[in-house]
N, C-alpha and C. Protein backbone atom coordinates (compact mmCIF):
# COMPACT_ATOMS: atom_id res chain seq x y z
N UNK A 1 122.40 89.43 124.68
CA UNK A 1 122.65 88.12 125.00
C UNK A 1 123.02 88.17 126.37
N UNK A 2 122.57 86.48 126.55
CA UNK A 2 122.67 86.49 128.32
C UNK A 2 124.01 85.19 128.27
N UNK A 3 124.39 85.25 129.25
CA UNK A 3 125.46 83.98 129.88
C UNK A 3 124.66 82.82 129.24
N UNK A 4 125.74 81.86 128.78
CA UNK A 4 125.07 80.83 128.85
C UNK A 4 124.36 80.46 127.22
N UNK A 5 123.95 81.63 126.39
CA UNK A 5 123.73 81.25 125.38
C UNK A 5 124.61 80.91 124.50
N UNK A 6 124.40 80.30 123.10
CA UNK A 6 125.40 79.99 121.94
C UNK A 6 125.22 81.52 120.93
N UNK A 7 126.32 82.01 120.96
CA UNK A 7 126.25 83.28 120.36
C UNK A 7 127.34 83.17 118.92
N UNK A 8 127.34 83.44 117.81
CA UNK A 8 128.27 83.28 116.87
C UNK A 8 128.89 84.21 116.93
N UNK A 9 130.18 84.04 116.67
CA UNK A 9 130.65 85.36 116.67
C UNK A 9 131.65 85.31 114.81
N UNK A 10 132.21 86.74 114.52
CA UNK A 10 132.59 86.91 113.10
C UNK A 10 133.62 85.51 112.72
N UNK A 11 134.08 85.48 113.82
CA UNK A 11 135.40 84.34 113.36
C UNK A 11 134.35 82.88 112.98
N UNK A 12 133.49 82.73 113.80
CA UNK A 12 132.98 81.41 113.60
C UNK A 12 132.16 81.38 112.21
N UNK A 13 131.43 82.70 111.60
CA UNK A 13 130.98 82.97 110.46
C UNK A 13 131.95 82.73 109.36
N UNK A 14 133.02 83.40 109.32
CA UNK A 14 134.39 83.41 108.75
C UNK A 14 134.44 81.53 108.03
N UNK A 15 134.75 80.96 109.68
CA UNK A 15 134.95 79.61 109.33
C UNK A 15 134.00 78.70 108.37
N UNK A 16 133.01 79.06 108.46
CA UNK A 16 131.85 78.33 107.64
C UNK A 16 132.17 78.54 106.60
N UNK A 17 133.18 79.34 105.95
CA UNK A 17 132.93 79.78 104.53
C UNK A 17 131.81 80.95 104.07
N UNK A 18 131.63 81.77 104.62
CA UNK A 18 130.46 82.67 104.22
C UNK A 18 130.97 83.31 102.95
N UNK A 19 130.78 83.85 102.35
CA UNK A 19 131.01 84.65 100.92
C UNK A 19 131.09 86.06 101.64
N UNK A 20 130.59 86.97 102.32
CA UNK A 20 130.55 88.08 103.17
C UNK A 20 130.33 88.16 104.37
N UNK A 21 130.71 89.46 104.48
CA UNK A 21 130.27 89.74 105.99
C UNK A 21 130.62 91.11 106.27
N UNK A 22 128.89 91.68 106.46
CA UNK A 22 129.35 93.27 106.90
C UNK A 22 128.74 93.06 108.73
N UNK A 23 129.58 93.72 109.04
CA UNK A 23 129.45 93.88 110.80
C UNK A 23 128.41 95.38 110.87
N UNK A 24 128.67 96.33 109.95
CA UNK A 24 128.15 97.86 110.23
C UNK A 24 128.82 98.43 111.40
N UNK A 25 130.01 97.95 112.06
CA UNK A 25 130.34 98.64 112.91
C UNK A 25 131.63 99.62 112.61
N UNK A 26 130.50 100.62 112.22
CA UNK A 26 131.19 102.10 112.08
C UNK A 26 131.56 102.40 110.59
N UNK A 27 131.07 101.50 109.91
CA UNK A 27 130.87 101.70 108.25
C UNK A 27 130.68 100.36 107.86
N UNK A 28 130.51 100.32 106.37
CA UNK A 28 129.77 99.35 105.63
C UNK A 28 130.65 98.38 104.78
N UNK A 29 131.79 98.07 105.34
CA UNK A 29 132.86 97.25 105.07
C UNK A 29 132.63 95.80 104.82
N UNK A 30 132.95 95.17 103.73
CA UNK A 30 132.66 93.39 103.74
C UNK A 30 133.94 93.10 104.16
N UNK A 31 133.69 92.30 105.49
CA UNK A 31 135.32 91.77 106.06
C UNK A 31 135.76 90.48 105.37
N UNK A 32 134.75 89.82 104.48
CA UNK A 32 135.28 88.52 103.80
C UNK A 32 135.25 88.96 102.45
N UNK A 33 134.20 89.63 101.68
CA UNK A 33 134.07 89.18 100.45
C UNK A 33 134.69 90.68 99.10
N UNK A 34 135.10 91.33 100.01
CA UNK A 34 135.67 92.71 99.41
C UNK A 34 134.30 93.78 98.59
N UNK A 35 133.35 93.31 98.92
CA UNK A 35 132.11 94.21 98.20
C UNK A 35 131.64 94.79 99.29
N UNK A 36 132.02 96.17 99.45
CA UNK A 36 131.89 96.66 100.51
C UNK A 36 130.62 97.97 99.89
N UNK A 37 129.66 98.13 100.92
CA UNK A 37 128.62 99.12 100.32
C UNK A 37 128.77 100.49 100.38
N UNK A 38 127.82 101.26 100.09
CA UNK A 38 127.94 102.76 99.93
C UNK A 38 126.88 103.30 101.24
N UNK A 39 127.28 103.67 102.06
CA UNK A 39 126.38 104.33 103.08
C UNK A 39 125.48 105.65 102.43
N UNK A 40 124.34 105.29 102.30
CA UNK A 40 123.05 106.57 102.15
C UNK A 40 122.20 107.39 103.64
N UNK A 41 123.10 107.45 104.49
CA UNK A 41 122.36 108.45 105.60
C UNK A 41 122.16 107.68 106.67
N UNK A 42 122.87 106.55 106.71
CA UNK A 42 122.89 105.32 107.66
C UNK A 42 123.97 106.39 108.67
N UNK A 43 123.83 106.15 110.15
CA UNK A 43 124.63 106.60 111.36
C UNK A 43 125.16 104.77 112.24
N UNK A 44 126.57 105.35 112.33
CA UNK A 44 127.09 103.70 113.55
C UNK A 44 127.61 104.02 114.74
N UNK A 45 126.67 104.85 115.90
CA UNK A 45 127.13 105.55 117.01
C UNK A 45 126.03 104.92 117.66
N UNK A 46 124.95 103.98 117.51
CA UNK A 46 123.96 103.50 118.33
C UNK A 46 125.05 102.02 119.39
N UNK A 47 124.63 102.02 120.84
CA UNK A 47 125.24 100.96 121.19
C UNK A 47 125.14 99.66 120.38
N UNK A 48 126.26 98.61 120.34
CA UNK A 48 125.95 97.18 119.75
C UNK A 48 125.15 96.50 120.46
N UNK A 49 124.38 95.71 118.92
CA UNK A 49 123.21 94.69 119.50
C UNK A 49 123.53 92.97 119.30
N UNK A 50 125.21 93.17 119.13
CA UNK A 50 125.93 91.51 118.74
C UNK A 50 127.15 91.74 119.45
N UNK A 51 127.85 90.60 119.32
CA UNK A 51 128.89 90.10 119.93
C UNK A 51 129.96 90.85 118.54
N UNK A 52 131.25 91.29 118.97
CA UNK A 52 132.31 91.58 117.85
C UNK A 52 131.97 92.83 117.48
N UNK A 53 130.97 93.61 118.09
CA UNK A 53 131.01 95.05 117.55
C UNK A 53 131.02 96.04 118.33
N UNK A 54 131.21 97.10 118.44
CA UNK A 54 131.53 98.14 119.36
C UNK A 54 129.98 99.11 119.00
N UNK A 55 129.50 99.20 117.65
CA UNK A 55 128.63 100.10 117.64
C UNK A 55 127.26 99.54 116.42
N UNK A 56 126.29 99.74 116.58
CA UNK A 56 125.76 99.24 115.05
C UNK A 56 124.97 100.21 114.36
N UNK A 57 124.35 99.90 113.35
CA UNK A 57 124.04 100.99 112.15
C UNK A 57 122.98 101.46 112.58
N UNK A 58 122.25 102.53 112.32
CA UNK A 58 120.79 102.86 112.50
C UNK A 58 120.35 103.83 111.59
N UNK A 59 119.08 103.51 110.86
CA UNK A 59 118.46 104.37 109.98
C UNK A 59 117.23 104.97 110.21
N UNK A 60 116.84 105.83 109.26
CA UNK A 60 115.61 106.45 109.63
C UNK A 60 114.47 105.79 109.43
N UNK A 61 114.51 104.68 108.68
CA UNK A 61 113.38 103.76 108.39
C UNK A 61 112.49 104.27 107.18
N UNK A 62 113.34 105.09 106.60
CA UNK A 62 112.48 105.58 105.12
C UNK A 62 113.39 105.47 104.38
N UNK A 63 114.44 106.39 104.31
CA UNK A 63 115.20 106.48 103.27
C UNK A 63 116.87 106.36 103.31
N UNK A 64 117.29 106.38 104.44
CA UNK A 64 118.35 105.61 104.82
C UNK A 64 119.09 104.45 104.51
N UNK A 65 119.90 103.81 103.73
CA UNK A 65 120.34 102.63 103.62
C UNK A 65 121.97 102.20 103.07
N UNK A 66 122.17 101.13 102.91
CA UNK A 66 123.68 100.71 102.58
C UNK A 66 122.87 100.37 101.17
N UNK A 67 123.68 100.52 100.04
CA UNK A 67 123.79 100.08 98.55
C UNK A 67 124.86 99.15 98.60
N UNK A 68 124.63 97.99 98.22
CA UNK A 68 125.70 97.09 97.81
C UNK A 68 125.29 96.39 96.46
N UNK A 69 126.72 96.65 95.86
CA UNK A 69 126.68 96.34 94.28
C UNK A 69 126.25 94.75 94.26
N UNK A 70 125.96 94.43 93.07
CA UNK A 70 125.50 93.21 92.34
C UNK A 70 126.86 92.39 92.40
N UNK A 71 126.71 91.30 92.80
CA UNK A 71 127.87 90.26 92.46
C UNK A 71 127.29 89.02 91.95
N UNK A 72 127.88 88.23 91.87
CA UNK A 72 127.33 86.86 91.59
C UNK A 72 126.30 86.05 92.54
N UNK A 73 126.50 86.66 93.51
CA UNK A 73 126.06 86.36 95.07
C UNK A 73 124.85 87.12 95.32
N UNK A 74 124.82 88.42 95.10
CA UNK A 74 124.34 89.56 96.08
C UNK A 74 123.43 90.07 94.66
N UNK A 75 122.22 90.31 94.78
CA UNK A 75 121.24 90.94 93.78
C UNK A 75 121.40 90.10 92.52
N UNK A 76 121.69 88.75 92.35
CA UNK A 76 121.41 87.77 91.66
C UNK A 76 120.65 86.82 91.59
N UNK A 77 119.47 86.46 91.29
CA UNK A 77 118.50 85.72 91.64
C UNK A 77 118.88 84.11 91.40
N UNK A 78 119.95 84.24 89.80
CA UNK A 78 120.08 82.53 89.45
C UNK A 78 120.72 81.86 90.96
N UNK A 79 120.26 81.88 91.66
CA UNK A 79 121.21 80.71 92.54
C UNK A 79 120.48 79.96 93.10
N UNK A 80 120.58 78.68 93.25
CA UNK A 80 120.01 77.37 93.72
C UNK A 80 120.14 77.04 95.19
N UNK A 81 120.85 78.41 96.08
CA UNK A 81 120.69 78.40 97.65
C UNK A 81 121.33 79.50 97.79
N UNK A 82 120.90 79.99 99.15
CA UNK A 82 120.98 81.33 99.81
C UNK A 82 120.45 81.32 100.79
N UNK A 83 121.51 81.77 101.66
CA UNK A 83 120.87 82.36 103.08
C UNK A 83 121.64 83.99 103.70
N UNK A 84 120.91 84.63 104.31
CA UNK A 84 121.20 85.72 104.93
C UNK A 84 120.87 85.87 106.32
N UNK A 85 122.02 86.14 107.08
CA UNK A 85 121.36 86.02 108.37
C UNK A 85 121.99 87.38 108.92
N UNK A 86 121.09 88.15 110.06
CA UNK A 86 121.84 89.01 110.73
C UNK A 86 120.95 89.46 112.12
N UNK A 87 121.49 90.49 112.59
CA UNK A 87 120.92 90.99 113.90
C UNK A 87 119.88 92.26 113.38
N UNK A 88 118.83 92.33 114.25
CA UNK A 88 117.89 93.48 113.85
C UNK A 88 117.44 93.79 114.94
N UNK A 89 116.85 95.31 115.55
CA UNK A 89 116.41 95.80 116.34
C UNK A 89 115.46 96.85 116.00
N UNK A 90 114.42 96.88 116.01
CA UNK A 90 113.28 97.88 115.58
C UNK A 90 113.45 99.15 117.13
N UNK A 91 113.06 100.08 116.35
CA UNK A 91 113.18 101.38 117.54
C UNK A 91 112.00 101.86 117.78
N UNK A 92 110.36 101.42 116.78
CA UNK A 92 109.42 101.90 117.26
C UNK A 92 108.63 100.87 116.30
N UNK A 93 107.16 100.88 115.92
CA UNK A 93 106.58 100.44 115.27
C UNK A 93 106.53 101.07 114.08
N UNK A 94 106.83 100.61 112.69
CA UNK A 94 106.84 101.64 111.65
C UNK A 94 105.67 101.44 110.78
N UNK A 95 105.59 102.18 110.04
CA UNK A 95 104.54 102.15 108.82
C UNK A 95 105.12 100.97 108.00
N UNK A 96 103.95 100.36 107.88
CA UNK A 96 104.26 98.85 107.01
C UNK A 96 103.81 99.14 105.32
N UNK A 97 104.27 98.63 104.84
CA UNK A 97 105.41 97.58 104.81
C UNK A 97 106.76 98.04 105.18
N UNK A 98 107.70 98.16 105.88
CA UNK A 98 109.16 98.23 106.16
C UNK A 98 110.21 97.25 105.77
N UNK A 99 111.03 97.51 104.85
CA UNK A 99 111.89 96.62 104.39
C UNK A 99 113.08 96.73 105.10
N UNK A 100 113.50 95.40 105.78
CA UNK A 100 114.76 95.22 106.63
C UNK A 100 115.91 95.27 105.67
N UNK A 101 115.56 93.84 104.76
CA UNK A 101 116.69 93.90 103.99
C UNK A 101 116.08 93.31 102.74
N UNK A 102 116.62 93.40 101.62
CA UNK A 102 116.38 92.71 100.46
C UNK A 102 117.14 93.19 99.24
N UNK A 103 116.79 91.91 98.65
CA UNK A 103 117.36 92.35 97.10
C UNK A 103 116.48 92.02 96.05
N UNK A 104 116.85 92.64 95.12
CA UNK A 104 115.97 92.33 93.71
C UNK A 104 114.88 93.33 93.56
N UNK A 105 114.17 93.28 92.35
CA UNK A 105 113.36 94.41 91.94
C UNK A 105 111.70 93.78 92.46
N UNK A 106 110.42 94.21 91.73
CA UNK A 106 109.39 93.90 91.93
C UNK A 106 109.14 92.59 91.63
N UNK A 107 110.02 92.02 90.59
CA UNK A 107 109.89 90.86 89.98
C UNK A 107 110.33 89.59 90.68
N UNK A 108 111.59 89.98 90.89
CA UNK A 108 112.29 88.77 91.59
C UNK A 108 113.04 89.43 92.78
N UNK A 109 112.35 89.01 94.04
CA UNK A 109 112.85 89.47 95.23
C UNK A 109 113.20 88.55 96.37
N UNK A 110 114.35 88.83 97.10
CA UNK A 110 114.38 87.78 98.26
C UNK A 110 114.60 89.03 99.39
N UNK A 111 113.69 88.71 100.41
CA UNK A 111 113.25 89.85 101.31
C UNK A 111 113.21 89.71 102.72
N UNK A 112 113.57 90.80 103.88
CA UNK A 112 112.91 90.42 105.09
C UNK A 112 112.04 91.72 105.19
N UNK A 113 110.39 91.64 105.62
CA UNK A 113 109.91 93.01 105.70
C UNK A 113 109.36 92.83 107.16
N UNK A 114 108.58 94.09 107.61
CA UNK A 114 107.75 94.03 108.64
C UNK A 114 106.35 94.71 108.04
N UNK A 115 105.44 94.05 108.65
CA UNK A 115 103.83 94.55 108.10
C UNK A 115 103.18 94.88 109.26
N UNK A 116 102.12 95.00 109.42
CA UNK A 116 101.16 95.85 110.32
C UNK A 116 101.89 95.14 111.78
N UNK A 117 101.89 96.13 112.78
CA UNK A 117 102.38 95.47 114.24
C UNK A 117 103.69 94.85 114.10
N UNK A 118 104.85 95.63 113.19
CA UNK A 118 106.13 94.73 112.66
C UNK A 118 105.92 93.18 112.80
N UNK A 119 105.05 92.76 112.28
CA UNK A 119 104.95 91.37 111.93
C UNK A 119 106.23 91.14 111.04
N UNK A 120 106.75 90.35 111.24
CA UNK A 120 108.23 89.64 110.38
C UNK A 120 107.49 88.58 109.27
N UNK A 121 107.87 88.90 108.06
CA UNK A 121 107.74 88.07 106.95
C UNK A 121 109.22 88.16 106.31
N UNK A 122 109.52 86.80 105.83
CA UNK A 122 110.59 86.60 104.88
C UNK A 122 110.07 86.30 103.64
N UNK A 123 110.27 86.75 102.21
CA UNK A 123 109.53 86.47 101.17
C UNK A 123 110.38 86.45 99.99
N UNK A 124 110.34 85.39 99.10
CA UNK A 124 111.07 84.98 97.84
C UNK A 124 109.77 85.14 96.99
N UNK A 125 110.14 85.93 95.82
CA UNK A 125 109.18 85.93 94.67
C UNK A 125 110.07 85.72 93.30
N UNK A 126 109.35 84.88 92.55
CA UNK A 126 110.25 84.71 91.25
C UNK A 126 108.98 84.95 90.43
N UNK A 127 109.13 85.51 89.13
CA UNK A 127 107.83 85.83 88.61
C UNK A 127 107.30 84.40 87.38
N UNK A 128 107.99 83.41 87.18
CA UNK A 128 107.97 82.65 86.26
C UNK A 128 107.00 81.40 87.29
N UNK A 129 107.69 80.70 88.49
CA UNK A 129 107.61 79.52 89.27
C UNK A 129 106.54 80.18 90.57
N UNK A 130 106.64 81.54 90.99
CA UNK A 130 106.13 81.67 92.20
C UNK A 130 105.80 83.11 92.24
N UNK A 131 105.12 83.61 91.07
CA UNK A 131 104.82 85.24 91.10
C UNK A 131 103.78 85.73 92.10
N UNK A 132 103.14 84.98 93.10
CA UNK A 132 102.37 85.70 94.19
C UNK A 132 103.79 85.29 95.36
N UNK A 133 104.77 84.85 95.33
CA UNK A 133 105.64 84.91 96.39
C UNK A 133 105.47 83.51 97.32
N UNK A 134 106.36 83.56 97.97
CA UNK A 134 106.51 82.53 99.21
C UNK A 134 106.81 83.08 100.30
N UNK A 135 105.81 82.75 101.31
CA UNK A 135 106.46 83.80 102.34
C UNK A 135 106.59 82.50 103.94
N UNK A 136 107.27 83.21 104.47
CA UNK A 136 107.31 82.33 105.76
C UNK A 136 107.03 83.57 106.92
N UNK A 137 106.36 83.13 107.69
CA UNK A 137 105.82 84.23 108.67
C UNK A 137 106.41 84.16 110.35
N UNK A 138 107.17 85.16 110.76
CA UNK A 138 107.53 85.41 111.95
C UNK A 138 107.02 86.25 112.80
N UNK A 139 107.67 86.19 113.99
CA UNK A 139 106.92 87.05 115.16
C UNK A 139 106.89 88.42 115.10
N UNK A 140 105.83 89.34 115.68
CA UNK A 140 106.10 90.36 115.72
C UNK A 140 107.17 91.12 116.34
N UNK A 141 107.91 92.15 115.89
CA UNK A 141 108.95 92.47 116.71
C UNK A 141 108.76 93.27 117.46
N UNK A 142 109.34 93.36 118.87
CA UNK A 142 109.14 94.50 119.69
C UNK A 142 110.02 95.45 119.46
N UNK A 143 109.74 96.57 119.65
CA UNK A 143 110.71 97.84 119.65
C UNK A 143 111.49 97.66 120.99
N UNK A 144 113.01 97.96 120.52
CA UNK A 144 113.97 97.70 121.61
C UNK A 144 114.48 96.58 121.76
N UNK A 145 113.77 95.48 121.16
CA UNK A 145 114.86 94.23 121.41
C UNK A 145 115.48 93.49 120.26
N UNK A 146 116.71 93.33 120.30
CA UNK A 146 117.41 92.52 119.36
C UNK A 146 116.91 91.27 118.62
N UNK A 147 116.88 91.13 117.63
CA UNK A 147 116.43 89.57 117.14
C UNK A 147 117.50 89.19 115.91
N UNK A 148 118.08 87.91 116.01
CA UNK A 148 118.70 87.19 115.12
C UNK A 148 118.07 86.59 114.19
N UNK A 149 118.01 86.98 112.83
CA UNK A 149 117.24 86.53 111.68
C UNK A 149 118.04 85.83 111.02
N UNK A 150 117.37 84.55 109.94
CA UNK A 150 118.19 84.17 109.15
C UNK A 150 117.19 83.38 107.72
N UNK A 151 117.05 84.20 106.86
CA UNK A 151 116.20 83.85 106.03
C UNK A 151 117.39 82.66 105.03
N UNK A 152 116.27 81.54 104.70
CA UNK A 152 117.08 80.69 103.55
C UNK A 152 116.12 80.13 102.26
N UNK A 153 116.83 80.20 101.42
CA UNK A 153 116.01 79.79 100.00
C UNK A 153 117.12 78.65 99.56
N UNK A 154 116.12 77.47 99.26
CA UNK A 154 116.96 75.98 99.07
C UNK A 154 116.03 75.69 97.70
N UNK A 155 116.92 75.85 96.42
CA UNK A 155 116.19 74.97 95.20
C UNK A 155 115.84 73.77 95.47
N UNK A 156 115.32 73.11 94.54
CA UNK A 156 114.49 71.81 94.19
C UNK A 156 115.98 71.05 94.33
N UNK A 157 117.09 71.27 93.91
CA UNK A 157 118.30 70.40 94.26
C UNK A 157 118.91 70.19 95.51
N UNK A 158 118.71 71.16 96.28
CA UNK A 158 119.18 71.33 97.80
C UNK A 158 118.07 71.19 98.85
N UNK A 159 117.03 70.52 98.54
CA UNK A 159 115.85 70.19 99.78
C UNK A 159 114.46 71.18 99.31
N UNK A 160 114.65 71.96 98.43
CA UNK A 160 113.42 72.71 97.93
C UNK A 160 112.26 72.97 99.05
N UNK A 161 112.91 74.11 99.62
CA UNK A 161 112.38 75.11 101.09
C UNK A 161 112.91 76.05 100.91
N UNK A 162 111.54 76.95 101.38
CA UNK A 162 112.32 78.29 101.99
C UNK A 162 111.82 78.16 103.16
N UNK A 163 113.18 78.87 104.46
CA UNK A 163 112.82 78.81 105.70
C UNK A 163 112.95 80.19 106.11
N UNK A 164 112.71 80.18 107.67
CA UNK A 164 113.22 81.51 108.06
C UNK A 164 113.01 80.84 109.82
N UNK A 165 114.31 81.62 110.39
CA UNK A 165 114.80 81.37 111.52
C UNK A 165 114.89 82.91 112.37
N UNK A 166 114.22 82.64 113.50
CA UNK A 166 114.12 83.97 114.53
C UNK A 166 114.92 83.43 115.72
N UNK A 167 115.92 83.98 115.88
CA UNK A 167 116.52 83.68 117.66
C UNK A 167 116.85 82.10 117.13
N UNK A 168 117.30 81.02 116.60
CA UNK A 168 117.65 80.21 116.11
C UNK A 168 116.18 79.20 116.21
N UNK A 169 115.09 79.88 116.24
CA UNK A 169 113.67 78.93 116.12
C UNK A 169 113.33 78.85 115.12
N UNK A 170 113.15 77.96 114.39
CA UNK A 170 112.38 78.04 112.91
C UNK A 170 111.06 78.08 113.03
N UNK A 171 110.66 78.85 111.95
CA UNK A 171 109.00 79.60 111.84
C UNK A 171 108.54 78.65 110.76
N UNK A 172 107.28 78.24 111.10
CA UNK A 172 106.67 77.06 110.13
C UNK A 172 105.37 78.00 109.18
N UNK A 173 104.93 78.79 110.11
CA UNK A 173 103.57 79.48 109.41
C UNK A 173 104.14 79.88 107.98
N UNK A 174 103.54 79.22 106.92
CA UNK A 174 103.57 79.86 105.75
C UNK A 174 102.72 80.02 104.74
N UNK A 175 102.82 80.41 103.55
CA UNK A 175 101.77 80.44 102.31
C UNK A 175 103.11 80.50 101.27
N UNK A 176 102.89 79.68 100.39
CA UNK A 176 102.14 78.07 100.86
C UNK A 176 102.58 77.48 102.12
N UNK A 177 101.58 76.95 102.19
CA UNK A 177 102.09 75.92 103.64
C UNK A 177 103.30 75.07 103.47
N UNK A 178 103.44 74.38 102.41
CA UNK A 178 104.71 73.54 102.34
C UNK A 178 106.03 74.26 102.05
N UNK A 179 105.95 75.52 101.87
CA UNK A 179 107.33 76.26 101.66
C UNK A 179 108.31 75.47 100.68
N UNK A 180 107.52 75.06 99.43
CA UNK A 180 108.31 74.85 98.22
C UNK A 180 108.49 75.51 97.48
N UNK A 181 109.57 75.86 96.83
CA UNK A 181 109.48 76.53 95.65
C UNK A 181 109.35 76.28 94.45
N UNK A 182 109.75 74.46 94.44
CA UNK A 182 109.30 74.05 92.81
C UNK A 182 110.18 74.22 91.87
N UNK A 183 111.43 74.59 92.12
CA UNK A 183 111.99 75.10 91.20
C UNK A 183 113.81 75.25 91.43
N UNK A 184 114.61 75.13 90.87
CA UNK A 184 116.15 74.77 91.04
C UNK A 184 116.97 76.20 91.47
N UNK A 185 116.47 77.52 90.91
CA UNK A 185 116.63 78.73 91.58
C UNK A 185 116.02 79.66 91.31
N UNK A 186 116.22 80.72 92.28
CA UNK A 186 115.60 82.04 92.17
C UNK A 186 116.02 82.71 90.41
N UNK A 187 115.45 82.48 89.60
CA UNK A 187 115.57 83.24 88.10
C UNK A 187 114.58 83.77 87.76
N UNK A 188 115.33 84.92 87.30
CA UNK A 188 114.58 86.15 86.98
C UNK A 188 114.06 85.75 85.60
């Protein structure tokens, strides 16, 4: 981050009423919601890429992961609105597809993935209403650079739109073009 930039801190996130907050600063403890993750091979010794942290989480890109138990708002698709935000910095150009964050199974999915050339995609898939998925495409992620990503699902009662923001800039290239799920929630 650079001086003069608006950067959100953990205090700001908590004040907004977030359900969960994982800073991955040495562990997978949920600082707000009490749903801590189970570490499966991740290390927490690399330099921080965000404020309020002294380290960041690193994976091998293949099998390392944090598993977070299902709750009413995690791995539960029956939600009328949902937002997941975080910092991510790729270390290389990965073999596609590479899942950065994901919830759900192959049938109902809410995920950030990298395709060929580290092309970022935010995707929501729901078998009844949009089985082929709603995708919003972001930039190619350059190794060694930190990005702030925010994926948002808004059901038909909350604006009827799927959104992706990268470094605060809304990405509008999408399939379908209107980014409208046309359903009240991500129901399985």
